[in-house]
Amino acid sequence: MESAIRAFFGRYAAVFNRALHGEIDMDEAASLYAPEFIAASPQGVMAGKNDDGSSTP
């Protein structure tokens, strides 16, 4: 598990560094994020899918 986590963050850092130099592959960058999310705040809990505009309060 530790090697998989190190590999993920190594890839994340490489993508981020290339983006800082103006060389961004949006599909590669998007692949680093989960397809769904859960957010909590004083206003309540929300779940949704990343980048499609939908959410469920």
C-alpha atoms as a PDB file:
ATOM      1  CA  MET A   1       0.000   0.000   0.000  1.00  0.00           C
ATOM      2  CA  GLU A   2       2.760   2.467   0.892  1.00  0.00           C
ATOM      3  CA  SER A   3       4.432   2.034  -2.495  1.00  0.00           C
ATOM      4  CA  ALA A   4       1.116   2.692  -4.277  1.00  0.00           C
ATOM      5  CA  ILE A   5       0.610   5.880  -2.249  1.00  0.00           C
ATOM      6  CA  ARG A   6       4.156   7.058  -2.972  1.00  0.00           C
ATOM      7  CA  ALA A   7       3.669   6.339  -6.678  1.00  0.00           C
ATOM      8  CA  PHE A   8       0.379   8.287  -6.723  1.00  0.00           C
ATOM      9  CA  PHE A   9       1.872  11.368  -5.059  1.00  0.00           C
ATOM     10  CA  GLY A  10       4.953  11.145  -7.278  1.00  0.00           C
ATOM     11  CA  ARG A  11       2.674  11.221 -10.316  1.00  0.00           C
ATOM     12  CA  TYR A  12       0.613  14.046  -8.780  1.00  0.00           C
ATOM     13  CA  ALA A  13       3.759  16.129  -8.193  1.00  0.00           C
ATOM     14  CA  ALA A  14       4.995  15.496 -11.738  1.00  0.00           C
ATOM     15  CA  VAL A  15       1.668  16.578 -13.271  1.00  0.00           C
ATOM     16  CA  PHE A  16       1.563  19.672 -11.039  1.00  0.00           C
ATOM     17  CA  ASN A  17       5.141  20.645 -11.909  1.00  0.00           C
ATOM     18  CA  ARG A  18       4.510  20.260 -15.644  1.00  0.00           C
ATOM     19  CA  ALA A  19       1.403  22.461 -15.254  1.00  0.00           C
ATOM     20  CA  LEU A  20       3.519  25.154 -13.595  1.00  0.00           C
ATOM     21  CA  HIS A  21       5.589  25.200 -16.789  1.00  0.00           C
ATOM     22  CA  GLY A  22       2.482  25.514 -18.987  1.00  0.00           C
ATOM     23  CA  GLU A  23       2.446  21.862 -20.055  1.00  0.00           C
ATOM     24  CA  ILE A  24      -0.849  20.541 -18.721  1.00  0.00           C
ATOM     25  CA  ASP A  25      -2.743  17.482 -19.863  1.00  0.00           C
ATOM     26  CA  MET A  26      -6.224  18.059 -18.472  1.00  0.00           C
ATOM     27  CA  ASP A  27      -7.237  14.411 -18.833  1.00  0.00           C
ATOM     28  CA  GLU A  28      -4.180  13.299 -16.894  1.00  0.00           C
ATOM     29  CA  ALA A  29      -4.789  15.949 -14.221  1.00  0.00           C
ATOM     30  CA  ALA A  30      -8.470  14.984 -13.935  1.00  0.00           C
ATOM     31  CA  SER A  31      -7.513  11.323 -13.506  1.00  0.00           C
ATOM     32  CA  LEU A  32      -5.816  12.249 -10.214  1.00  0.00           C
ATOM     33  CA  TYR A  33      -9.142  13.159  -8.580  1.00  0.00           C
ATOM     34  CA  ALA A  34     -12.031  10.990  -7.411  1.00  0.00           C
ATOM     35  CA  PRO A  35     -15.099  10.899  -9.658  1.00  0.00           C
ATOM     36  CA  GLU A  36     -17.387  11.683  -6.710  1.00  0.00           C
ATOM     37  CA  PHE A  37     -17.154  13.813  -3.582  1.00  0.00           C
ATOM     38  CA  ILE A  38     -18.741  14.401  -0.195  1.00  0.00           C
ATOM     39  CA  ALA A  39     -18.596  17.844   1.431  1.00  0.00           C
ATOM     40  CA  ALA A  40     -19.760  18.872   4.883  1.00  0.00           C
ATOM     41  CA  SER A  41     -20.268  22.353   6.296  1.00  0.00           C
ATOM     42  CA  PRO A  42     -22.489  24.094   8.835  1.00  0.00           C
ATOM     43  CA  GLN A  43     -25.071  24.360   6.035  1.00  0.00           C
ATOM     44  CA  GLY A  44     -25.273  20.565   5.669  1.00  0.00           C
ATOM     45  CA  VAL A  45     -23.790  17.640   3.770  1.00  0.00           C
ATOM     46  CA  MET A  46     -23.565  17.483  -0.017  1.00  0.00           C
ATOM     47  CA  ALA A  47     -22.574  14.670  -2.380  1.00  0.00           C
ATOM     48  CA  GLY A  48     -22.021  14.892  -6.090  1.00  0.00           C
ATOM     49  CA  LYS A  49     -20.005  13.909  -9.094  1.00  0.00           C
ATOM     50  CA  ASN A  50     -16.935  15.936  -9.986  1.00  0.00           C
ATOM     51  CA  ASP A  51     -17.214  18.176 -13.047  1.00  0.00           C
ATOM     52  CA  ASP A  52     -20.774  17.438 -14.132  1.00  0.00           C
ATOM     53  CA  GLY A  53     -22.519  20.139 -12.157  1.00  0.00           C
ATOM     54  CA  SER A  54     -24.770  17.822 -10.160  1.00  0.00           C
ATOM     55  CA  SER A  55     -25.003  17.663  -6.399  1.00  0.00           C
ATOM     56  CA  THR A  56     -27.421  16.312  -3.856  1.00  0.00           C
ATOM     57  CA  PRO A  57     -28.028  18.222  -0.588  1.00  0.00           C
END
